[in-house]
Amino acid sequence: MTTRIPTSTSITESSVIHAPLANVWHLIKLQDFHHFWTKLDKSHHVKGASHETDIVKWTFKDGTVQDVKQEEHSTIDHFITYSVISSTPAITYSSVISTIRCYAVTTGPNEGSTFVQWSAHFSSDADADVIEDARFKRKEALADLAHVVTKK
């Protein structure tokens, strides 16, 4: 009998990016993730998939293809929430919903920078490997984002 390692099914990664909020927020659109996330080969809207919400296809450089659904988006509060609705190859858990939030840093030594928080809430069938992989990918993507916006 295999024993699963008990694990939290929620993660949050964050970073202070030394660029103004407007520069960072400009890239936080599902269809634009390939402009900063080096793991993505391309990302684009899926035309005609839904009249009620945006569906974006992410094609990763390793061949994985995921359709992600924009669940919520606020240009006022600078956040986007999305879920993975299909994946090839199939994911090993039932669901995940992720949110990216951006905040302007308004005081202190990082004034003029952007604080970015990327969280994920997985279904209870996600195992420790899934959670750690997601943590690593978010850290890597945040570093990629910082690299792109600070080289402008």
Protein backbone atom coordinates (compact mmCIF):
# COMPACT_ATOMS: atom_id res chain seq x y z
CA MET A 1 0.00 0.00 0.00
CA THR A 2 1.36 3.41 -0.98
CA THR A 3 1.01 6.10 1.64
CA ARG A 4 0.46 9.62 0.37
CA ILE A 5 2.43 12.37 2.02
CA PRO A 6 -0.01 14.79 3.68
CA THR A 7 0.39 18.21 2.10
CA SER A 8 -1.28 21.56 1.90
CA THR A 9 -3.14 22.02 -1.37
CA SER A 10 -2.59 25.78 -1.46
CA ILE A 11 0.58 27.65 -2.33
CA THR A 12 1.56 31.28 -2.64
CA GLU A 13 4.74 32.62 -4.17
CA SER A 14 5.63 36.29 -4.34
CA SER A 15 8.30 38.69 -5.49
CA VAL A 16 9.17 42.37 -5.47
CA ILE A 17 9.82 43.30 -9.08
CA HIS A 18 11.84 46.45 -9.59
CA ALA A 19 9.57 47.99 -12.19
CA PRO A 20 6.46 50.19 -11.98
CA LEU A 21 3.05 48.53 -11.60
CA ALA A 22 1.97 49.63 -15.09
CA ASN A 23 4.91 47.80 -16.71
CA VAL A 24 4.22 44.58 -14.81
CA TRP A 25 0.42 44.64 -15.06
CA HIS A 26 0.65 45.10 -18.83
CA LEU A 27 1.91 41.48 -19.11
CA ILE A 28 -0.57 39.86 -16.69
CA LYS A 29 -3.03 38.72 -19.33
CA LEU A 30 -3.44 35.00 -19.98
CA GLN A 31 -2.84 35.41 -23.71
CA ASP A 32 0.41 37.35 -23.05
CA PHE A 33 2.11 34.98 -20.60
CA HIS A 34 4.40 33.69 -23.37
CA HIS A 35 5.97 37.17 -23.52
CA PHE A 36 7.62 36.57 -20.15
CA TRP A 37 7.27 32.91 -19.04
CA THR A 38 10.15 31.05 -20.65
CA LYS A 39 8.42 27.65 -20.22
CA LEU A 40 5.66 28.74 -22.63
CA ASP A 41 6.10 28.47 -26.37
CA LYS A 42 2.88 30.33 -27.16
CA SER A 43 -0.40 31.49 -25.67
CA HIS A 44 -3.47 32.67 -27.55
CA HIS A 45 -7.24 33.09 -27.27
CA VAL A 46 -9.36 30.13 -28.28
CA LYS A 47 -11.87 31.73 -30.63
CA GLY A 48 -15.50 30.68 -30.30
CA ALA A 49 -14.92 28.48 -27.24
CA SER A 50 -17.17 30.55 -24.98
CA HIS A 51 -19.38 33.58 -25.34
CA GLU A 52 -19.23 34.23 -21.60
CA THR A 53 -15.54 34.08 -20.70
CA ASP A 54 -12.04 34.08 -22.14
CA ILE A 55 -10.38 30.75 -22.85
CA VAL A 56 -6.66 30.80 -23.64
CA LYS A 57 -4.54 27.93 -24.94
CA TRP A 58 -1.07 27.65 -23.41
CA THR A 59 1.44 25.55 -25.32
CA PHE A 60 4.49 24.75 -23.22
CA LYS A 61 7.92 24.04 -24.67
CA ASP A 62 7.78 20.49 -23.25
CA GLY A 63 4.71 19.77 -25.44
CA THR A 64 2.06 20.15 -22.71
CA VAL A 65 -1.04 22.00 -23.93
CA GLN A 66 -3.51 23.51 -21.47
CA ASP A 67 -6.72 25.46 -21.92
CA VAL A 68 -7.09 28.01 -19.15
CA LYS A 69 -10.29 29.86 -18.36
CA GLN A 70 -10.26 33.39 -17.05
CA GLU A 71 -12.50 33.29 -13.99
CA GLU A 72 -12.05 36.87 -12.81
CA HIS A 73 -10.11 39.96 -13.85
CA SER A 74 -9.83 43.40 -12.29
CA THR A 75 -7.99 46.30 -13.84
CA ILE A 76 -8.92 48.33 -10.75
CA ASP A 77 -7.49 45.95 -8.13
CA HIS A 78 -4.87 44.49 -10.51
CA PHE A 79 -5.58 40.77 -10.25
CA ILE A 80 -6.51 37.89 -12.50
CA THR A 81 -7.93 34.51 -11.52
CA TYR A 82 -7.89 31.53 -13.84
CA SER A 83 -8.43 27.77 -13.85
CA VAL A 84 -7.08 24.93 -15.98
CA ILE A 85 -10.03 23.38 -17.81
CA SER A 86 -8.18 20.86 -19.98
CA SER A 87 -4.67 19.52 -20.34
CA THR A 88 -2.76 17.23 -22.68
CA PRO A 89 -1.28 15.20 -21.18
CA ALA A 90 -4.00 15.00 -18.53
CA ILE A 91 -3.30 16.48 -15.12
CA THR A 92 -3.31 14.08 -12.15
CA TYR A 93 -5.68 16.11 -9.96
CA SER A 94 -9.27 17.29 -10.33
CA SER A 95 -8.82 21.06 -10.38
CA VAL A 96 -6.71 24.10 -9.66
CA ILE A 97 -7.60 27.77 -9.49
CA SER A 98 -4.85 30.39 -9.50
CA THR A 99 -4.70 34.11 -8.82
CA ILE A 100 -2.02 36.66 -9.65
CA ARG A 101 -2.22 39.95 -7.75
CA CYS A 102 -0.06 43.01 -8.34
CA TYR A 103 0.46 45.84 -5.86
CA ALA A 104 2.36 49.09 -6.29
CA VAL A 105 5.07 49.50 -3.66
CA THR A 106 4.52 53.08 -2.49
CA THR A 107 7.11 53.63 0.23
CA GLY A 108 10.46 52.40 1.50
CA PRO A 109 13.55 51.25 -0.36
CA ASN A 110 11.47 49.44 -3.02
CA GLU A 111 9.21 52.42 -3.75
CA GLY A 112 8.22 52.44 -7.41
CA SER A 113 8.44 48.64 -7.61
CA THR A 114 5.65 46.08 -7.86
CA PHE A 115 4.82 43.33 -5.37
CA VAL A 116 3.46 40.30 -7.25
CA GLN A 117 1.70 37.41 -5.52
CA TRP A 118 0.81 34.19 -7.39
CA SER A 119 -1.37 31.71 -5.49
CA ALA A 120 -2.92 28.36 -6.37
CA HIS A 121 -5.60 26.28 -4.70
CA PHE A 122 -5.61 22.64 -5.77
CA SER A 123 -8.26 20.00 -5.24
CA SER A 124 -7.59 17.59 -2.38
CA ASP A 125 -6.37 14.87 -4.75
CA ALA A 126 -3.23 16.85 -5.68
CA ASP A 127 -0.16 15.20 -4.18
CA ALA A 128 3.06 16.69 -2.79
CA ASP A 129 4.85 16.37 -6.15
CA VAL A 130 2.15 18.43 -7.89
CA ILE A 131 2.31 21.13 -5.21
CA GLU A 132 6.11 21.35 -5.27
CA ASP A 133 6.17 21.44 -9.07
CA ALA A 134 3.63 24.30 -9.06
CA ARG A 135 5.69 26.15 -6.43
CA PHE A 136 8.85 25.80 -8.53
CA LYS A 137 7.09 26.89 -11.75
CA ARG A 138 5.64 30.00 -10.09
CA LYS A 139 9.03 30.99 -8.67
CA GLU A 140 10.60 30.52 -12.08
CA ALA A 141 7.82 32.46 -13.85
CA LEU A 142 8.11 35.35 -11.38
CA ALA A 143 11.86 35.50 -12.03
CA ASP A 144 11.14 35.46 -15.79
CA LEU A 145 8.64 38.29 -15.36
CA ALA A 146 11.15 40.36 -13.39
CA HIS A 147 13.80 39.77 -16.03
CA VAL A 148 11.53 40.92 -18.88
CA VAL A 149 10.19 44.09 -17.25
CA THR A 150 13.50 45.26 -15.79
CA LYS A 151 15.41 44.99 -19.06
CA LYS A 152 13.15 47.55 -20.77
